[in-house]
Amino acid sequence: MTKIAVVIADAPGLVITDYQEQLATAELVVTADGGARHLLGGKRLPDLAVGDFDSLEPHFLAELEQDGVAVERHPVHKDETDLELALLRAVEHGATTIIVLGALGGRPDQHLANLQLLLHPALRPLDVRLLHAGWEIFVVYDQATIMGQPGDIVSLLPMTPVVDGIVTEGLYYPLHDEALALGPARGVSNVLQGTSATIHLRSGVLLAMHNLQG
């Protein structure tokens, strides 16, 4: 049974009104620290707010608690990031699909760390996608289907030293049982030919980046 969760971080530039459809269909909304700010005063409050709250003003946190939002506080000095904790809570609550907002576009170290969170072992059985500025980003372990429009940009980037046995259908530059390795940029800027493309691979992990706006 599918359970959709939306997890919201606080990278700059997030326009939450762009994601009303995702929020409306979510059965669970978890915010990471300052990500809660984006839902205050709106129709959809978070079910759970997680973090050390060093980037959320105290009066906003008090407002969440007054509205009945469950708040889970963590120390500032910890091994996990607030987004990682929020993702793990979504998993613990039974999410099978997780949409992540506000994870990209901030500090470069956090930006890269949030992309690497897609490789977290706890997330591997799930469908987890980062949405950012018209892009959807997810990892491919064995196979995936990308749905979109002709002309959409699709980039496939290796997340392991070598990704072997890649076969694609529906992309302008096909791969026929080929490999992509860390370093060369061969997998960047492919193009969707129709409304769908399929990706299969034998070993390794790919990062798929799909521009939904073409």
C-alpha atoms as a PDB file:
ATOM      1  CA  MET A   1       0.000   0.000   0.000  1.00  0.00           C
ATOM      2  CA  THR A   2       1.345   3.401  -1.009  1.00  0.00           C
ATOM      3  CA  LYS A   3       1.800   6.096   1.619  1.00  0.00           C
ATOM      4  CA  ILE A   4       3.009   9.449   0.334  1.00  0.00           C
ATOM      5  CA  ALA A   5       5.062  11.731   2.556  1.00  0.00           C
ATOM      6  CA  VAL A   6       6.371  15.219   1.863  1.00  0.00           C
ATOM      7  CA  VAL A   7       9.535  16.246   3.700  1.00  0.00           C
ATOM      8  CA  ILE A   8      10.398  19.945   3.681  1.00  0.00           C
ATOM      9  CA  ALA A   9      13.831  21.424   4.336  1.00  0.00           C
ATOM     10  CA  ASP A  10      14.762  25.109   4.315  1.00  0.00           C
ATOM     11  CA  ALA A  11      17.109  25.798   1.417  1.00  0.00           C
ATOM     12  CA  PRO A  12      16.707  29.333   0.038  1.00  0.00           C
ATOM     13  CA  GLY A  13      14.420  29.903  -2.903  1.00  0.00           C
ATOM     14  CA  LEU A  14      11.725  27.381  -1.995  1.00  0.00           C
ATOM     15  CA  VAL A  15       8.322  28.616  -3.195  1.00  0.00           C
ATOM     16  CA  ILE A  16       5.928  26.362  -1.332  1.00  0.00           C
ATOM     17  CA  THR A  17       2.934  27.451  -3.418  1.00  0.00           C
ATOM     18  CA  ASP A  18       4.516  25.632  -6.375  1.00  0.00           C
ATOM     19  CA  TYR A  19       3.917  22.342  -4.562  1.00  0.00           C
ATOM     20  CA  GLN A  20       0.298  22.578  -3.438  1.00  0.00           C
ATOM     21  CA  GLU A  21      -0.613  19.462  -5.420  1.00  0.00           C
ATOM     22  CA  GLN A  22       2.043  17.404  -3.627  1.00  0.00           C
ATOM     23  CA  LEU A  23       0.962  18.719  -0.229  1.00  0.00           C
ATOM     24  CA  ALA A  24      -2.691  18.018  -0.977  1.00  0.00           C
ATOM     25  CA  THR A  25      -2.015  14.352  -1.758  1.00  0.00           C
ATOM     26  CA  ALA A  26       0.448  13.753   1.093  1.00  0.00           C
ATOM     27  CA  GLU A  27      -0.689  11.562   3.962  1.00  0.00           C
ATOM     28  CA  LEU A  28       2.270  12.719   6.051  1.00  0.00           C
ATOM     29  CA  VAL A  29       4.178  16.015   6.107  1.00  0.00           C
ATOM     30  CA  VAL A  30       7.439  16.252   8.040  1.00  0.00           C
ATOM     31  CA  THR A  31       9.502  19.426   8.241  1.00  0.00           C
ATOM     32  CA  ALA A  32      13.209  19.694   8.975  1.00  0.00           C
ATOM     33  CA  ASP A  33      14.055  22.648  11.225  1.00  0.00           C
ATOM     34  CA  GLY A  34      13.354  25.898   9.349  1.00  0.00           C
ATOM     35  CA  GLY A  35      11.353  24.037   6.720  1.00  0.00           C
ATOM     36  CA  ALA A  36       8.360  24.413   9.036  1.00  0.00           C
ATOM     37  CA  ARG A  37       8.363  28.147   8.354  1.00  0.00           C
ATOM     38  CA  HIS A  38       7.026  27.543   4.842  1.00  0.00           C
ATOM     39  CA  LEU A  39       3.789  26.025   6.148  1.00  0.00           C
ATOM     40  CA  LEU A  40       2.944  28.495   8.897  1.00  0.00           C
ATOM     41  CA  GLY A  41      -0.313  30.266   8.189  1.00  0.00           C
ATOM     42  CA  GLY A  42      -1.205  27.875   5.383  1.00  0.00           C
ATOM     43  CA  LYS A  43      -3.912  25.260   4.981  1.00  0.00           C
ATOM     44  CA  ARG A  44      -1.537  22.321   5.517  1.00  0.00           C
ATOM     45  CA  LEU A  45       0.480  22.288   8.711  1.00  0.00           C
ATOM     46  CA  PRO A  46       3.187  19.680   9.268  1.00  0.00           C
ATOM     47  CA  ASP A  47       2.287  16.503  11.097  1.00  0.00           C
ATOM     48  CA  LEU A  48       5.760  16.468  12.623  1.00  0.00           C
ATOM     49  CA  ALA A  49       8.481  19.110  12.939  1.00  0.00           C
ATOM     50  CA  VAL A  50      11.980  17.703  13.503  1.00  0.00           C
ATOM     51  CA  GLY A  51      15.295  19.395  14.195  1.00  0.00           C
ATOM     52  CA  ASP A  52      17.537  21.318  16.528  1.00  0.00           C
ATOM     53  CA  PHE A  53      15.613  24.463  15.492  1.00  0.00           C
ATOM     54  CA  ASP A  54      18.670  26.661  15.303  1.00  0.00           C
ATOM     55  CA  SER A  55      17.250  28.158  12.089  1.00  0.00           C
ATOM     56  CA  LEU A  56      13.626  28.559  13.194  1.00  0.00           C
ATOM     57  CA  GLU A  57      12.684  31.567  15.269  1.00  0.00           C
ATOM     58  CA  PRO A  58      11.327  30.658  18.735  1.00  0.00           C
ATOM     59  CA  HIS A  59       7.980  32.373  18.128  1.00  0.00           C
ATOM     60  CA  PHE A  60       7.453  30.242  15.003  1.00  0.00           C
ATOM     61  CA  LEU A  61       8.207  27.101  17.006  1.00  0.00           C
ATOM     62  CA  ALA A  62       5.763  28.202  19.701  1.00  0.00           C
ATOM     63  CA  GLU A  63       3.127  28.808  17.021  1.00  0.00           C
ATOM     64  CA  LEU A  64       3.575  25.265  15.716  1.00  0.00           C
ATOM     65  CA  GLU A  65       3.106  23.817  19.178  1.00  0.00           C
ATOM     66  CA  GLN A  66       0.030  25.969  19.786  1.00  0.00           C
ATOM     67  CA  ASP A  67      -1.436  24.610  16.551  1.00  0.00           C
ATOM     68  CA  GLY A  68      -0.967  21.047  17.803  1.00  0.00           C
ATOM     69  CA  VAL A  69       1.984  20.097  15.609  1.00  0.00           C
ATOM     70  CA  ALA A  70       4.164  17.342  17.090  1.00  0.00           C
ATOM     71  CA  VAL A  71       7.653  18.752  17.681  1.00  0.00           C
ATOM     72  CA  GLU A  72      10.732  16.546  18.023  1.00  0.00           C
ATOM     73  CA  ARG A  73      13.744  18.457  19.351  1.00  0.00           C
ATOM     74  CA  HIS A  74      17.339  17.353  18.822  1.00  0.00           C
ATOM     75  CA  PRO A  75      20.642  18.788  20.053  1.00  0.00           C
ATOM     76  CA  VAL A  76      22.641  21.048  17.779  1.00  0.00           C
ATOM     77  CA  HIS A  77      25.674  18.768  18.124  1.00  0.00           C
ATOM     78  CA  LYS A  78      24.669  15.478  16.499  1.00  0.00           C
ATOM     79  CA  ASP A  79      25.760  13.090  13.760  1.00  0.00           C
ATOM     80  CA  GLU A  80      22.697  13.480  11.516  1.00  0.00           C
ATOM     81  CA  THR A  81      21.476  16.564   9.700  1.00  0.00           C
ATOM     82  CA  ASP A  82      17.953  17.761  10.397  1.00  0.00           C
ATOM     83  CA  LEU A  83      16.860  16.647   6.925  1.00  0.00           C
ATOM     84  CA  GLU A  84      18.276  13.175   7.505  1.00  0.00           C
ATOM     85  CA  LEU A  85      16.316  12.909  10.759  1.00  0.00           C
ATOM     86  CA  ALA A  86      13.135  14.073   9.026  1.00  0.00           C
ATOM     87  CA  LEU A  87      13.567  11.478   6.273  1.00  0.00           C
ATOM     88  CA  LEU A  88      14.110   8.726   8.828  1.00  0.00           C
ATOM     89  CA  ARG A  89      10.954   9.759  10.680  1.00  0.00           C
ATOM     90  CA  ALA A  90       8.997   9.551   7.424  1.00  0.00           C
ATOM     91  CA  VAL A  91      10.319   6.018   6.953  1.00  0.00           C
ATOM     92  CA  GLU A  92       9.370   5.082  10.518  1.00  0.00           C
ATOM     93  CA  HIS A  93       5.834   6.355   9.865  1.00  0.00           C
ATOM     94  CA  GLY A  94       5.466   3.952   6.958  1.00  0.00           C
ATOM     95  CA  ALA A  95       6.064   6.199   3.959  1.00  0.00           C
ATOM     96  CA  THR A  96       6.620   4.343   0.688  1.00  0.00           C
ATOM     97  CA  THR A  97       6.958   7.464  -1.472  1.00  0.00           C
ATOM     98  CA  ILE A  98       8.813  10.528  -0.195  1.00  0.00           C
ATOM     99  CA  ILE A  99       8.872  13.885  -1.960  1.00  0.00           C
ATOM    100  CA  VAL A 100      11.614  16.170  -0.664  1.00  0.00           C
ATOM    101  CA  LEU A 101      11.306  19.945  -1.011  1.00  0.00           C
ATOM    102  CA  GLY A 102      13.758  22.694  -0.127  1.00  0.00           C
ATOM    103  CA  ALA A 103      16.801  20.416  -0.087  1.00  0.00           C
ATOM    104  CA  LEU A 104      18.864  22.062  -2.833  1.00  0.00           C
ATOM    105  CA  GLY A 105      20.224  25.476  -3.676  1.00  0.00           C
ATOM    106  CA  GLY A 106      21.714  26.457  -0.332  1.00  0.00           C
ATOM    107  CA  ARG A 107      25.246  25.960   0.980  1.00  0.00           C
ATOM    108  CA  PRO A 108      27.227  23.779  -1.462  1.00  0.00           C
ATOM    109  CA  ASP A 109      28.231  21.287   1.235  1.00  0.00           C
ATOM    110  CA  GLN A 110      24.627  20.829   2.344  1.00  0.00           C
ATOM    111  CA  HIS A 111      23.467  20.713  -1.276  1.00  0.00           C
ATOM    112  CA  LEU A 112      25.815  17.800  -2.024  1.00  0.00           C
ATOM    113  CA  ALA A 113      25.092  16.085   1.291  1.00  0.00           C
ATOM    114  CA  ASN A 114      21.359  16.217   0.570  1.00  0.00           C
ATOM    115  CA  LEU A 115      21.910  14.580  -2.817  1.00  0.00           C
ATOM    116  CA  GLN A 116      23.945  11.867  -1.100  1.00  0.00           C
ATOM    117  CA  LEU A 117      21.110  11.286   1.365  1.00  0.00           C
ATOM    118  CA  LEU A 118      19.286   9.616  -1.524  1.00  0.00           C
ATOM    119  CA  LEU A 119      21.758   6.746  -1.034  1.00  0.00           C
ATOM    120  CA  HIS A 120      20.819   6.275   2.631  1.00  0.00           C
ATOM    121  CA  PRO A 121      20.251   2.538   3.253  1.00  0.00           C
ATOM    122  CA  ALA A 122      16.918   3.234   4.966  1.00  0.00           C
ATOM    123  CA  LEU A 123      15.612   4.874   1.780  1.00  0.00           C
ATOM    124  CA  ARG A 124      16.650   2.210  -0.702  1.00  0.00           C
ATOM    125  CA  PRO A 125      13.326   0.292  -0.769  1.00  0.00           C
ATOM    126  CA  LEU A 126      11.368   3.518  -1.291  1.00  0.00           C
ATOM    127  CA  ASP A 127      10.560   5.936  -4.098  1.00  0.00           C
ATOM    128  CA  VAL A 128      12.329   9.128  -2.962  1.00  0.00           C
ATOM    129  CA  ARG A 129      12.489  12.207  -5.181  1.00  0.00           C
ATOM    130  CA  LEU A 130      13.959  15.644  -4.642  1.00  0.00           C
ATOM    131  CA  LEU A 131      11.976  18.385  -6.375  1.00  0.00           C
ATOM    132  CA  HIS A 132      13.774  21.635  -7.092  1.00  0.00           C
ATOM    133  CA  ALA A 133      13.156  24.462  -9.567  1.00  0.00           C
ATOM    134  CA  GLY A 134      11.372  22.298 -12.122  1.00  0.00           C
ATOM    135  CA  TRP A 135      13.626  19.258 -11.682  1.00  0.00           C
ATOM    136  CA  GLU A 136      12.977  15.854 -10.168  1.00  0.00           C
ATOM    137  CA  ILE A 137      16.024  13.961  -8.918  1.00  0.00           C
ATOM    138  CA  PHE A 138      16.184  10.339  -7.801  1.00  0.00           C
ATOM    139  CA  VAL A 139      18.520   7.351  -7.720  1.00  0.00           C
ATOM    140  CA  VAL A 140      18.328   4.269  -9.927  1.00  0.00           C
ATOM    141  CA  TYR A 141      19.564   0.963  -8.522  1.00  0.00           C
ATOM    142  CA  ASP A 142      18.327  -1.417 -11.225  1.00  0.00           C
ATOM    143  CA  GLN A 143      15.597   0.090 -13.389  1.00  0.00           C
ATOM    144  CA  ALA A 144      13.401   3.162 -13.680  1.00  0.00           C
ATOM    145  CA  THR A 145      10.875   4.815 -15.967  1.00  0.00           C
ATOM    146  CA  ILE A 146      10.865   8.561 -16.576  1.00  0.00           C
ATOM    147  CA  MET A 147       7.589  10.171 -17.632  1.00  0.00           C
ATOM    148  CA  GLY A 148       7.557  13.604 -19.222  1.00  0.00           C
ATOM    149  CA  GLN A 149       7.300  15.504 -22.471  1.00  0.00           C
ATOM    150  CA  PRO A 150       9.363  15.366 -25.676  1.00  0.00           C
ATOM    151  CA  GLY A 151      12.391  17.599 -25.282  1.00  0.00           C
ATOM    152  CA  ASP A 152      12.696  17.252 -21.505  1.00  0.00           C
ATOM    153  CA  ILE A 153      16.325  17.194 -20.357  1.00  0.00           C
ATOM    154  CA  VAL A 154      17.431  13.982 -18.633  1.00  0.00           C
ATOM    155  CA  SER A 155      20.898  13.621 -17.122  1.00  0.00           C
ATOM    156  CA  LEU A 156      22.267  10.353 -15.756  1.00  0.00           C
ATOM    157  CA  LEU A 157      25.203  10.712 -13.367  1.00  0.00           C
ATOM    158  CA  PRO A 158      27.110   7.861 -11.711  1.00  0.00           C
ATOM    159  CA  MET A 159      26.986   7.772  -7.916  1.00  0.00           C
ATOM    160  CA  THR A 160      29.426   4.859  -7.718  1.00  0.00           C
ATOM    161  CA  PRO A 161      32.882   4.632  -9.354  1.00  0.00           C
ATOM    162  CA  VAL A 162      31.392   2.738 -12.306  1.00  0.00           C
ATOM    163  CA  VAL A 163      27.805   2.058 -13.336  1.00  0.00           C
ATOM    164  CA  ASP A 164      27.801  -0.884 -15.721  1.00  0.00           C
ATOM    165  CA  GLY A 165      25.384  -2.471 -18.156  1.00  0.00           C
ATOM    166  CA  ILE A 166      23.256   0.625 -18.740  1.00  0.00           C
ATOM    167  CA  VAL A 167      20.512   0.244 -21.333  1.00  0.00           C
ATOM    168  CA  THR A 168      18.201   3.156 -22.121  1.00  0.00           C
ATOM    169  CA  GLU A 169      15.179   3.450 -24.380  1.00  0.00           C
ATOM    170  CA  GLY A 170      13.399   6.659 -25.294  1.00  0.00           C
ATOM    171  CA  LEU A 171      16.404   8.990 -24.974  1.00  0.00           C
ATOM    172  CA  TYR A 172      17.985  10.867 -27.881  1.00  0.00           C
ATOM    173  CA  TYR A 173      21.458   9.551 -26.992  1.00  0.00           C
ATOM    174  CA  PRO A 174      20.866   5.882 -26.157  1.00  0.00           C
ATOM    175  CA  LEU A 175      23.107   3.646 -24.097  1.00  0.00           C
ATOM    176  CA  HIS A 176      23.382   0.023 -25.220  1.00  0.00           C
ATOM    177  CA  ASP A 177      24.807  -2.098 -22.393  1.00  0.00           C
ATOM    178  CA  GLU A 178      27.380   0.618 -21.673  1.00  0.00           C
ATOM    179  CA  ALA A 179      29.108   2.062 -18.618  1.00  0.00           C
ATOM    180  CA  LEU A 180      29.294   5.506 -17.046  1.00  0.00           C
ATOM    181  CA  ALA A 181      32.167   6.308 -14.689  1.00  0.00           C
ATOM    182  CA  LEU A 182      32.804   9.040 -12.150  1.00  0.00           C
ATOM    183  CA  GLY A 183      34.710  11.886 -13.755  1.00  0.00           C
ATOM    184  CA  PRO A 184      33.627  12.157 -17.406  1.00  0.00           C
ATOM    185  CA  ALA A 185      30.403  14.107 -17.978  1.00  0.00           C
ATOM    186  CA  ARG A 186      29.011  11.856 -20.699  1.00  0.00           C
ATOM    187  CA  GLY A 187      25.615  11.350 -19.048  1.00  0.00           C
ATOM    188  CA  VAL A 188      24.690  15.042 -18.917  1.00  0.00           C
ATOM    189  CA  SER A 189      21.993  16.681 -21.083  1.00  0.00           C
ATOM    190  CA  ASN A 190      20.260  13.780 -22.747  1.00  0.00           C
ATOM    191  CA  VAL A 191      16.780  14.436 -24.140  1.00  0.00           C
ATOM    192  CA  LEU A 192      13.448  12.651 -23.829  1.00  0.00           C
ATOM    193  CA  GLN A 193      12.225  11.698 -27.309  1.00  0.00           C
ATOM    194  CA  GLY A 194       8.629  10.910 -26.422  1.00  0.00           C
ATOM    195  CA  THR A 195       6.630  10.891 -23.217  1.00  0.00           C
ATOM    196  CA  SER A 196       8.647   8.186 -21.460  1.00  0.00           C
ATOM    197  CA  ALA A 197      12.076   6.624 -21.212  1.00  0.00           C
ATOM    198  CA  THR A 198      13.330   3.504 -19.467  1.00  0.00           C
ATOM    199  CA  ILE A 199      16.656   2.898 -17.763  1.00  0.00           C
ATOM    200  CA  HIS A 200      18.099  -0.488 -16.846  1.00  0.00           C
ATOM    201  CA  LEU A 201      21.495  -1.172 -15.312  1.00  0.00           C
ATOM    202  CA  ARG A 202      23.444  -4.190 -14.146  1.00  0.00           C
ATOM    203  CA  SER A 203      25.562  -2.757 -11.336  1.00  0.00           C
ATOM    204  CA  GLY A 204      26.235   0.518  -9.576  1.00  0.00           C
ATOM    205  CA  VAL A 205      23.927   3.441  -8.830  1.00  0.00           C
ATOM    206  CA  LEU A 206      22.809   6.274 -11.107  1.00  0.00           C
ATOM    207  CA  LEU A 207      21.505   9.693 -10.174  1.00  0.00           C
ATOM    208  CA  ALA A 208      18.681  10.576 -12.572  1.00  0.00           C
ATOM    209  CA  MET A 209      17.925  14.273 -13.040  1.00  0.00           C
ATOM    210  CA  HIS A 210      14.832  15.153 -15.073  1.00  0.00           C
ATOM    211  CA  ASN A 211      13.870  18.698 -16.030  1.00  0.00           C
ATOM    212  CA  LEU A 212      10.073  18.632 -15.934  1.00  0.00           C
ATOM    213  CA  GLN A 213       9.882  21.960 -17.758  1.00  0.00           C
ATOM    214  CA  GLY A 214      11.736  20.819 -20.864  1.00  0.00           C
END
